[in-house]
């Protein structure tokens, strides 16, 4: 680390709610995470409840008064939901509009009409990356699976040659690029700039998705050569629509939040004057909430109206879009509470000192912690919010770009080795009709490639920027 010393950072940090030493704090962290892992994996308890109980266990074992632990957890939960809750909600609404209007199908069909032969895996990764920007991973899978299966069947392609690129595009977007919940929570926890993180996330995502998608799919198709299962091709949303939005309008709506947030980041770099009128305007229109809200409002006219949705159909659509995110918001909020309990107990300061004493690069430490929690819990979101809480103090003396890279290192680690304790593992297995062994050799290996490649690129970027 450079800049401020550990002693200076510790002096500026808030007084811990416990006077426990490193040994007791270390035991408390391991016990708290163990409780979370055990409750999620063994007792199948919802991640929200598991994180809540794990936070209380951590504070109690660290020797903190229970009332202060409750205050820390509540404060962390509230600040996290306040910081990212609206963004997750707006992203969910936009994703629902994209799916129900047939806009997603329009993007898929337009790109596929211009692709064929050897370019098909590249077309699939492009489709998944574009569709994956505003959609949660699970929603993206449900949308793209019919396309993957139909393309593989009609074009006589190997299922893995088509499916792996699509899954890679969705997974990379989910782990590295806001406005997905994981990156948003990590950005909020470490105080990173969203625009810079978005720009660097896209930069890291492109080579990562190429290697884990079209390139790896060649080998995956050799290892597991299976046909598309006949009974798993569900009906697409646009099959019931008389008309749907145009390709250009749909693509513009999907990319609008990204364009506005990147424009803000660019203006901040070029102008760098908070009093400048142009910068102040872009600070407003490029703020994540305004950018996503603008896309939702534009989507009413570019997605819903062209698909024949009248005013009376919009409120029910919004309600249906918000319903599935209740669990996600609770998990994210509880993750924020867990993070705050870690910090207030003095664990963040301990990690800071250990990082200095052991000379472990902060980005590598963040990646390793996220990997460990991902392997234990099976949840990329839980891994992200927990790791972000542990390494947040490391960002105190980092530059803006390195703080953004810290977020991406956490996101990369959170994707490592999806296996039997991950819901996504079973979702992919059932849709593709694979055995557990086949899924491990394809989907699980792909997730490892994404994590290692993205983590490696992040470390390389930290050396040059």
Protein backbone atom coordinates (compact mmCIF):
# COMPACT_ATOMS: atom_id res chain seq x y z
CA UNK A 1 0.00 0.00 0.00
CA UNK A 2 1.09 3.57 -0.59
CA UNK A 3 0.14 6.94 0.82
CA UNK A 4 -1.33 6.92 4.33
CA UNK A 5 0.17 4.58 6.87
CA UNK A 6 -1.81 1.88 8.63
CA UNK A 7 -1.42 3.83 11.87
CA UNK A 8 -2.88 7.00 10.32
CA UNK A 9 -5.81 5.06 8.84
CA UNK A 10 -6.44 3.35 12.16
CA UNK A 11 -6.41 6.68 13.95
CA UNK A 12 -9.07 8.05 11.61
CA UNK A 13 -11.26 4.94 11.84
CA UNK A 14 -14.29 4.89 14.15
CA UNK A 15 -13.82 3.30 17.56
CA UNK A 16 -14.60 -0.45 17.35
CA UNK A 17 -17.58 -1.74 19.33
CA UNK A 18 -15.29 -4.36 20.88
CA UNK A 19 -11.76 -4.39 22.26
CA UNK A 20 -11.03 -7.93 21.04
CA UNK A 21 -7.55 -8.73 19.74
CA UNK A 22 -6.65 -10.12 16.33
CA UNK A 23 -6.93 -13.74 17.42
CA UNK A 24 -10.45 -13.32 18.82
CA UNK A 25 -11.53 -11.23 15.82
CA UNK A 26 -10.14 -13.85 13.44
CA UNK A 27 -12.06 -16.59 15.23
CA UNK A 28 -15.19 -14.40 15.17
CA UNK A 29 -14.92 -13.87 11.41
CA UNK A 30 -14.41 -17.57 10.71
CA UNK A 31 -17.27 -18.48 13.04
CA UNK A 32 -19.61 -15.88 11.52
CA UNK A 33 -18.88 -17.05 7.97
CA UNK A 34 -19.16 -20.69 9.08
CA UNK A 35 -22.60 -20.00 10.53
CA UNK A 36 -23.69 -18.39 7.25
CA UNK A 37 -22.30 -21.26 5.18
CA UNK A 38 -23.86 -23.91 7.42
CA UNK A 39 -27.28 -22.28 7.44
CA UNK A 40 -27.32 -21.80 3.65
CA UNK A 41 -25.90 -25.18 2.64
CA UNK A 42 -26.92 -27.59 5.41
CA UNK A 43 -30.21 -26.15 6.63
CA UNK A 44 -31.22 -24.47 3.33
CA UNK A 45 -32.07 -21.26 5.16
CA UNK A 46 -32.62 -18.15 3.05
CA UNK A 47 -29.45 -16.08 2.60
CA UNK A 48 -31.13 -13.05 4.24
CA UNK A 49 -31.77 -14.93 7.48
CA UNK A 50 -28.37 -16.63 7.31
CA UNK A 51 -26.53 -13.32 6.93
CA UNK A 52 -28.53 -11.79 9.77
CA UNK A 53 -27.79 -14.66 12.17
CA UNK A 54 -24.16 -14.79 11.03
CA UNK A 55 -23.74 -11.08 11.78
CA UNK A 56 -25.10 -11.55 15.32
CA UNK A 57 -22.84 -14.56 15.85
CA UNK A 58 -19.80 -12.64 14.65
CA UNK A 59 -20.48 -9.72 16.99
CA UNK A 60 -21.18 -11.98 19.96
CA UNK A 61 -18.01 -14.05 19.51
CA UNK A 62 -15.99 -10.85 19.04
CA UNK A 63 -17.21 -9.79 22.48
CA UNK A 64 -19.29 -6.82 21.35
CA UNK A 65 -22.42 -5.79 23.28
CA UNK A 66 -25.48 -7.17 21.51
CA UNK A 67 -27.23 -3.81 21.38
CA UNK A 68 -24.25 -2.29 19.51
CA UNK A 69 -24.14 -5.24 17.13
CA UNK A 70 -27.82 -4.69 16.33
CA UNK A 71 -27.19 -0.99 15.71
CA UNK A 72 -24.25 -1.76 13.40
CA UNK A 73 -26.23 -4.35 11.46
CA UNK A 74 -29.28 -2.07 11.11
CA UNK A 75 -27.16 0.88 10.02
CA UNK A 76 -25.36 -1.21 7.40
CA UNK A 77 -28.59 -2.70 6.10
CA UNK A 78 -30.25 0.69 5.84
CA UNK A 79 -27.34 2.45 4.13
CA UNK A 80 -26.87 -0.36 1.63
CA UNK A 81 -30.52 -0.53 0.61
CA UNK A 82 -30.61 3.28 0.44
CA UNK A 83 -27.54 3.25 -1.80
CA UNK A 84 -28.44 0.50 -4.25
CA UNK A 85 -32.08 -0.47 -3.64
CA UNK A 86 -33.58 2.01 -6.12
CA UNK A 87 -31.02 1.04 -8.75
CA UNK A 88 -31.84 -2.66 -8.41
CA UNK A 89 -35.56 -1.85 -8.62
CA UNK A 90 -35.15 0.28 -11.76
CA UNK A 91 -32.97 -2.40 -13.35
CA UNK A 92 -35.63 -5.01 -12.62
CA UNK A 93 -38.35 -2.86 -14.21
CA UNK A 94 -36.22 -2.26 -17.31
CA UNK A 95 -35.49 -5.97 -17.60
CA UNK A 96 -39.18 -6.83 -17.34
CA UNK A 97 -40.05 -4.27 -20.02
CA UNK A 98 -37.35 -5.68 -22.29
CA UNK A 99 -38.59 -9.24 -21.83
CA UNK A 100 -42.37 -8.74 -22.01
CA UNK A 101 -42.31 -6.32 -24.94
CA UNK A 102 -40.39 -8.77 -27.10
CA UNK A 103 -37.45 -6.34 -27.27
CA UNK A 104 -35.02 -8.99 -26.09
CA UNK A 105 -36.29 -11.39 -28.74
CA UNK A 106 -35.94 -8.65 -31.35
CA UNK A 107 -32.25 -8.17 -30.51
CA UNK A 108 -31.70 -11.93 -30.56
CA UNK A 109 -33.47 -12.52 -33.88
CA UNK A 110 -31.81 -9.55 -35.63
CA UNK A 111 -28.29 -10.61 -34.66
CA UNK A 112 -28.93 -14.29 -35.44
CA UNK A 113 -30.30 -13.37 -38.88
CA UNK A 114 -26.90 -11.92 -39.75
CA UNK A 115 -24.85 -14.74 -38.24
CA UNK A 116 -24.22 -18.30 -39.23
CA UNK A 117 -21.64 -21.05 -39.35
CA UNK A 118 -18.46 -20.29 -37.41
CA UNK A 119 -19.71 -16.86 -36.36
CA UNK A 120 -22.66 -18.28 -34.41
CA UNK A 121 -20.80 -18.67 -31.06
CA UNK A 122 -19.64 -15.06 -31.39
CA UNK A 123 -23.19 -13.97 -32.13
CA UNK A 124 -24.41 -15.78 -29.01
CA UNK A 125 -21.84 -14.09 -26.77
CA UNK A 126 -22.76 -10.71 -28.25
CA UNK A 127 -26.46 -11.33 -27.67
CA UNK A 128 -25.92 -12.49 -24.09
CA UNK A 129 -23.66 -9.53 -23.27
CA UNK A 130 -26.16 -6.97 -24.58
CA UNK A 131 -29.18 -8.69 -23.05
CA UNK A 132 -27.25 -9.27 -19.81
CA UNK A 133 -26.60 -5.58 -19.18
CA UNK A 134 -29.99 -4.73 -17.63
CA UNK A 135 -31.10 -8.25 -16.63
CA UNK A 136 -30.42 -10.37 -13.57
CA UNK A 137 -28.54 -13.57 -14.35
CA UNK A 138 -31.49 -15.89 -13.73
CA UNK A 139 -33.82 -13.78 -15.90
CA UNK A 140 -31.22 -13.69 -18.67
CA UNK A 141 -30.93 -17.48 -18.61
CA UNK A 142 -34.70 -17.92 -18.87
CA UNK A 143 -34.77 -15.51 -21.83
CA UNK A 144 -31.82 -16.99 -23.70
CA UNK A 145 -32.27 -20.71 -23.09
CA UNK A 146 -35.03 -21.04 -25.75
CA UNK A 147 -32.77 -19.29 -28.26
CA UNK A 148 -29.76 -21.46 -27.41
CA UNK A 149 -31.76 -24.66 -27.71
CA UNK A 150 -33.48 -23.66 -30.95
CA UNK A 151 -30.27 -22.48 -32.61
CA UNK A 152 -28.44 -25.65 -31.59
CA UNK A 153 -31.28 -27.85 -32.87
CA UNK A 154 -32.09 -26.09 -36.13
CA UNK A 155 -28.47 -25.38 -37.07
CA UNK A 156 -27.25 -28.81 -35.95
CA UNK A 157 -24.68 -27.21 -33.65
CA UNK A 158 -23.18 -28.74 -30.56
CA UNK A 159 -25.20 -27.52 -27.57
CA UNK A 160 -22.04 -26.54 -25.71
CA UNK A 161 -20.67 -24.63 -28.72
CA UNK A 162 -23.73 -22.36 -28.59
CA UNK A 163 -24.64 -22.51 -24.90
CA UNK A 164 -21.26 -21.75 -23.30
CA UNK A 165 -20.80 -18.38 -25.08
CA UNK A 166 -24.32 -17.33 -24.02
CA UNK A 167 -23.71 -18.36 -20.40
CA UNK A 168 -20.31 -16.64 -20.39
CA UNK A 169 -21.80 -13.36 -21.59
CA UNK A 170 -24.48 -13.43 -18.89
CA UNK A 171 -22.10 -14.45 -16.10
CA UNK A 172 -19.46 -11.83 -16.90
CA UNK A 173 -22.06 -9.06 -16.98
CA UNK A 174 -23.51 -10.34 -13.69
CA UNK A 175 -20.18 -10.30 -11.85
CA UNK A 176 -18.35 -7.31 -13.28
CA UNK A 177 -20.67 -4.70 -14.75
CA UNK A 178 -23.13 -2.44 -12.89
CA UNK A 179 -26.10 -2.05 -12.52
CA UNK A 180 -26.06 -5.69 -11.38
CA UNK A 181 -26.53 -6.03 -7.60
CA UNK A 182 -23.08 -7.47 -6.80
CA UNK A 183 -20.98 -4.73 -8.42
CA UNK A 184 -23.35 -2.04 -7.10
CA UNK A 185 -22.98 -3.26 -3.50
CA UNK A 186 -19.20 -3.50 -3.82
CA UNK A 187 -19.04 0.01 -5.30
CA UNK A 188 -21.12 1.32 -2.39
CA UNK A 189 -19.04 -0.56 0.21
CA UNK A 190 -15.59 0.60 -0.94
CA UNK A 191 -16.66 4.07 -2.13
CA UNK A 192 -15.73 3.52 -5.79
CA UNK A 193 -16.78 5.77 -8.66
CA UNK A 194 -19.54 4.02 -10.61
CA UNK A 195 -18.65 5.50 -13.99
CA UNK A 196 -14.97 4.55 -13.74
CA UNK A 197 -15.91 1.08 -12.48
CA UNK A 198 -18.35 0.64 -15.36
CA UNK A 199 -15.74 1.67 -17.94
CA UNK A 200 -13.04 -0.59 -16.49
CA UNK A 201 -15.59 -3.37 -16.03
CA UNK A 202 -16.43 -3.32 -19.74
CA UNK A 203 -12.69 -3.23 -20.54
CA UNK A 204 -12.09 -6.33 -18.41
CA UNK A 205 -15.27 -8.05 -19.58
CA UNK A 206 -14.46 -8.06 -23.31
CA UNK A 207 -11.34 -10.29 -23.31
CA UNK A 208 -12.75 -12.35 -20.46
CA UNK A 209 -15.96 -13.20 -22.27
CA UNK A 210 -14.06 -14.00 -25.49
CA UNK A 211 -11.78 -16.50 -23.74
CA UNK A 212 -14.47 -18.07 -21.53
CA UNK A 213 -17.10 -18.04 -24.29
CA UNK A 214 -16.29 -18.76 -27.95
CA UNK A 215 -12.72 -19.97 -27.28
CA UNK A 216 -13.51 -22.32 -24.38
CA UNK A 217 -16.69 -23.56 -26.04
CA UNK A 218 -14.56 -25.39 -28.63
CA UNK A 219 -13.12 -27.59 -25.91
CA UNK A 220 -16.37 -27.87 -23.96
CA UNK A 221 -18.08 -29.18 -27.10
CA UNK A 222 -15.46 -31.93 -27.38
CA UNK A 223 -15.67 -32.89 -23.70
CA UNK A 224 -19.49 -32.95 -23.61
CA UNK A 225 -21.20 -33.62 -26.92
CA UNK A 226 -24.93 -33.62 -26.19
CA UNK A 227 -27.95 -32.66 -28.32
CA UNK A 228 -30.44 -29.99 -27.31
CA UNK A 229 -33.16 -31.60 -25.14
CA UNK A 230 -36.48 -31.59 -26.98
CA UNK A 231 -38.70 -31.06 -23.92
CA UNK A 232 -36.88 -27.99 -22.57
CA UNK A 233 -37.71 -25.45 -25.29
CA UNK A 234 -40.14 -23.03 -23.59
CA UNK A 235 -42.32 -20.49 -25.31
CA UNK A 236 -40.78 -17.08 -25.93
CA UNK A 237 -42.47 -13.90 -24.70
CA UNK A 238 -42.88 -12.43 -28.18
CA UNK A 239 -44.64 -15.54 -29.51
CA UNK A 240 -47.88 -14.18 -28.05
CA UNK A 241 -47.40 -10.62 -29.37
CA UNK A 242 -48.78 -9.28 -32.65
CA UNK A 243 -45.92 -6.77 -32.92
CA UNK A 244 -42.74 -5.87 -31.10
CA UNK A 245 -40.28 -2.94 -30.90
CA UNK A 246 -37.60 -2.30 -33.50
CA UNK A 247 -34.00 -3.41 -33.12
CA UNK A 248 -32.46 0.08 -33.08
CA UNK A 249 -34.90 1.48 -30.53
CA UNK A 250 -34.48 -1.55 -28.27
CA UNK A 251 -30.68 -1.44 -28.42
CA UNK A 252 -30.70 2.30 -27.67
CA UNK A 253 -32.94 1.77 -24.63
CA UNK A 254 -30.73 -1.01 -23.25
CA UNK A 255 -27.51 0.94 -23.72
CA UNK A 256 -28.84 4.35 -22.61
CA UNK A 257 -27.87 3.96 -18.90
CA UNK A 258 -24.39 2.80 -19.89
CA UNK A 259 -23.98 5.71 -22.31
CA UNK A 260 -25.07 8.29 -19.72
CA UNK A 261 -22.89 6.87 -16.92
CA UNK A 262 -19.84 6.59 -19.17
CA UNK A 263 -20.42 10.13 -20.46
CA UNK A 264 -20.44 11.40 -16.87
CA UNK A 265 -17.17 9.58 -16.13
CA UNK A 266 -15.56 11.00 -19.29
CA UNK A 267 -16.68 14.57 -18.54
CA UNK A 268 -15.41 14.26 -14.95
CA UNK A 269 -11.98 13.27 -16.30
CA UNK A 270 -11.78 15.88 -19.07
CA UNK A 271 -13.32 18.88 -17.27
CA UNK A 272 -12.45 18.11 -13.64
CA UNK A 273 -14.11 21.27 -12.29
CA UNK A 274 -17.08 20.74 -9.93
CA UNK A 275 -18.26 24.30 -10.59
CA UNK A 276 -18.33 23.88 -14.37
CA UNK A 277 -21.91 23.91 -15.73
CA UNK A 278 -21.30 21.09 -18.22
CA UNK A 279 -19.86 18.85 -15.54
CA UNK A 280 -22.71 19.63 -13.16
CA UNK A 281 -25.26 18.72 -15.86
CA UNK A 282 -23.53 15.41 -16.60
CA UNK A 283 -23.17 14.71 -12.87
CA UNK A 284 -26.97 14.74 -12.74
CA UNK A 285 -27.91 12.93 -15.96
CA UNK A 286 -25.09 10.42 -15.49
CA UNK A 287 -26.00 9.59 -11.91
CA UNK A 288 -26.98 5.89 -11.81
CA UNK A 289 -30.51 6.52 -10.59
CA UNK A 290 -31.23 9.18 -13.23
CA UNK A 291 -29.61 7.11 -16.00
CA UNK A 292 -31.70 4.03 -15.19
CA UNK A 293 -34.85 6.09 -14.61
CA UNK A 294 -34.35 7.75 -18.00
CA UNK A 295 -34.02 4.35 -19.65
CA UNK A 296 -37.22 3.10 -17.98
CA UNK A 297 -39.16 6.19 -19.09
CA UNK A 298 -37.77 6.00 -22.61
CA UNK A 299 -38.62 2.30 -22.66
CA UNK A 300 -42.31 3.09 -22.23
CA UNK A 301 -42.23 4.75 -25.67
CA UNK A 302 -39.59 2.61 -27.40
CA UNK A 303 -40.50 -0.83 -26.01
CA UNK A 304 -44.03 -0.96 -24.57
CA UNK A 305 -45.97 1.31 -26.93
CA UNK A 306 -44.63 -0.34 -30.13
CA UNK A 307 -45.55 -3.75 -28.65
CA UNK A 308 -49.13 -2.57 -28.17
CA UNK A 309 -49.03 -2.03 -24.40
CA UNK A 310 -51.63 0.54 -23.35
CA UNK A 311 -51.43 2.67 -20.21
CA UNK A 312 -53.48 0.17 -18.24
CA UNK A 313 -50.89 -2.60 -18.79
CA UNK A 314 -47.87 -0.65 -17.53
CA UNK A 315 -48.60 -0.68 -13.74
CA UNK A 316 -49.10 -4.49 -13.61
CA UNK A 317 -45.89 -4.96 -15.60
CA UNK A 318 -43.94 -2.79 -13.14
CA UNK A 319 -45.40 -4.72 -10.20
CA UNK A 320 -44.44 -8.06 -11.73
CA UNK A 321 -40.94 -6.72 -12.40
CA UNK A 322 -40.50 -5.66 -8.79
CA UNK A 323 -41.87 -8.79 -7.13
CA UNK A 324 -38.89 -11.12 -7.82
CA UNK A 325 -36.33 -8.66 -6.42
CA UNK A 326 -37.69 -8.66 -2.86
CA UNK A 327 -35.38 -11.53 -1.93
CA UNK A 328 -32.43 -9.93 -3.70
CA UNK A 329 -32.92 -6.63 -1.88
CA UNK A 330 -33.10 -8.42 1.47
CA UNK A 331 -29.92 -10.39 0.74
CA UNK A 332 -28.11 -7.26 -0.40
CA UNK A 333 -29.32 -5.35 2.66
CA UNK A 334 -28.32 -8.11 5.07
CA UNK A 335 -24.97 -8.29 3.31
CA UNK A 336 -24.55 -4.59 4.01
CA UNK A 337 -25.43 -5.24 7.65
CA UNK A 338 -22.83 -8.01 7.81
CA UNK A 339 -20.27 -5.68 6.23
CA UNK A 340 -20.96 -2.94 8.79
CA UNK A 341 -20.73 -5.43 11.66
CA UNK A 342 -17.34 -6.53 10.33
CA UNK A 343 -16.11 -2.95 10.14
CA UNK A 344 -17.48 -1.81 13.50
CA UNK A 345 -16.07 -4.89 15.22
CA UNK A 346 -12.61 -3.90 14.04
CA UNK A 347 -12.27 -6.70 11.48
CA UNK A 348 -11.71 -4.24 8.63
CA UNK A 349 -8.82 -2.68 10.50
CA UNK A 350 -7.41 -6.15 11.21
CA UNK A 351 -7.53 -7.07 7.50
CA UNK A 352 -5.77 -3.77 6.70
CA UNK A 353 -2.96 -4.56 9.13
CA UNK A 354 -2.65 -8.18 7.97
CA UNK A 355 -2.43 -7.04 4.36
CA UNK A 356 0.43 -4.70 5.32
CA UNK A 357 2.26 -7.25 7.50
CA UNK A 358 2.02 -10.10 4.97
CA UNK A 359 2.67 -7.88 1.92
CA UNK A 360 -0.33 -9.30 0.09
CA UNK A 361 -1.49 -7.03 -2.78
CA UNK A 362 -4.90 -5.64 -1.87
CA UNK A 363 -6.47 -6.71 -5.19
CA UNK A 364 -5.22 -10.29 -4.85
CA UNK A 365 -6.43 -10.45 -1.24
CA UNK A 366 -9.87 -9.21 -2.29
CA UNK A 367 -10.04 -11.84 -5.04
CA UNK A 368 -8.98 -14.65 -2.70
CA UNK A 369 -11.51 -13.70 -0.01
CA UNK A 370 -14.34 -13.56 -2.58
CA UNK A 371 -13.27 -16.94 -3.98
CA UNK A 372 -13.29 -18.54 -0.52
CA UNK A 373 -16.77 -17.23 0.33
CA UNK A 374 -18.12 -18.15 -3.12
CA UNK A 375 -16.84 -21.73 -2.75
CA UNK A 376 -18.38 -22.00 0.70
CA UNK A 377 -21.78 -20.38 0.11
CA UNK A 378 -22.36 -20.89 -3.61
CA UNK A 379 -23.72 -17.35 -3.93
CA UNK A 380 -21.88 -14.75 -5.99
CA UNK A 381 -23.89 -11.96 -4.34
CA UNK A 382 -23.13 -13.16 -0.80
CA UNK A 383 -19.46 -13.54 -1.74
CA UNK A 384 -19.38 -10.02 -3.14
CA UNK A 385 -21.07 -8.23 -0.25
CA UNK A 386 -19.10 -10.15 2.39
CA UNK A 387 -15.73 -9.70 0.68
CA UNK A 388 -16.44 -6.02 0.06
CA UNK A 389 -17.07 -5.52 3.78
CA UNK A 390 -13.84 -7.26 4.72
CA UNK A 391 -11.58 -5.34 2.32
CA UNK A 392 -13.35 -1.94 2.32
CA UNK A 393 -10.66 -0.33 4.56
CA UNK A 394 -8.01 -1.22 1.96
CA UNK A 395 -9.57 1.34 -0.39
CA UNK A 396 -8.87 4.24 1.98
CA UNK A 397 -5.63 5.33 0.32
CA UNK A 398 -6.28 3.99 -3.19
CA UNK A 399 -6.66 6.11 -6.30
CA UNK A 400 -10.04 6.30 -8.03
CA UNK A 401 -9.00 3.77 -10.67
CA UNK A 402 -7.53 1.30 -8.16
CA UNK A 403 -10.67 1.51 -6.02
CA UNK A 404 -12.67 0.57 -9.12
CA UNK A 405 -10.25 -2.31 -9.77
CA UNK A 406 -10.80 -3.46 -6.17
CA UNK A 407 -14.52 -3.79 -6.98
CA UNK A 408 -13.71 -5.79 -10.12
CA UNK A 409 -11.30 -8.07 -8.24
CA UNK A 410 -14.09 -8.87 -5.77
CA UNK A 411 -16.54 -9.45 -8.63
CA UNK A 412 -14.10 -11.75 -10.44
CA UNK A 413 -13.50 -13.80 -7.29
CA UNK A 414 -17.24 -14.11 -6.63
CA UNK A 415 -17.71 -16.08 -9.88
CA UNK A 416 -15.15 -18.82 -9.17
CA UNK A 417 -16.22 -22.48 -9.52
CA UNK A 418 -20.00 -22.70 -9.40
CA UNK A 419 -20.78 -26.16 -8.03
CA UNK A 420 -23.52 -28.10 -6.24
CA UNK A 421 -24.26 -25.42 -3.61
CA UNK A 422 -25.08 -22.82 -6.29
CA UNK A 423 -28.63 -22.47 -7.63
CA UNK A 424 -27.22 -21.41 -11.00
CA UNK A 425 -25.43 -24.75 -11.29
CA UNK A 426 -28.71 -26.66 -11.13
CA UNK A 427 -30.52 -24.19 -13.38
CA UNK A 428 -27.99 -24.73 -16.17
CA UNK A 429 -27.88 -28.50 -15.59
CA UNK A 430 -31.65 -28.95 -15.90
CA UNK A 431 -32.17 -26.64 -18.86
CA UNK A 432 -29.34 -28.26 -20.85
CA UNK A 433 -30.19 -31.79 -19.75
CA UNK A 434 -26.68 -32.50 -18.42
CA UNK A 435 -25.43 -34.87 -15.75
CA UNK A 436 -23.66 -33.43 -12.71
CA UNK A 437 -20.30 -34.54 -14.12
CA UNK A 438 -21.00 -32.96 -17.52
CA UNK A 439 -22.06 -29.71 -15.87
CA UNK A 440 -18.86 -29.63 -13.81
CA UNK A 441 -16.74 -30.09 -16.94
CA UNK A 442 -18.49 -27.28 -18.82
CA UNK A 443 -20.36 -24.70 -16.74
CA UNK A 444 -18.15 -24.98 -13.64
CA UNK A 445 -14.90 -24.85 -15.63
CA UNK A 446 -16.23 -21.85 -17.56
CA UNK A 447 -16.88 -20.00 -14.29
CA UNK A 448 -13.32 -20.73 -13.15
CA UNK A 449 -11.94 -19.38 -16.43
CA UNK A 450 -13.99 -16.19 -16.07
CA UNK A 451 -12.79 -15.67 -12.50
CA UNK A 452 -9.09 -16.32 -13.20
CA UNK A 453 -8.92 -14.41 -16.49
CA UNK A 454 -10.82 -11.39 -15.12
CA UNK A 455 -8.75 -11.42 -11.92
CA UNK A 456 -5.54 -11.60 -13.93
CA UNK A 457 -6.56 -8.71 -16.19
CA UNK A 458 -7.46 -6.62 -13.14
CA UNK A 459 -4.00 -7.23 -11.63
CA UNK A 460 -2.32 -6.34 -14.95
CA UNK A 461 -4.35 -3.14 -15.24
CA UNK A 462 -3.31 -2.16 -11.70
CA UNK A 463 0.31 -2.11 -12.89
CA UNK A 464 -0.30 0.34 -15.74
CA UNK A 465 -3.04 2.71 -14.56
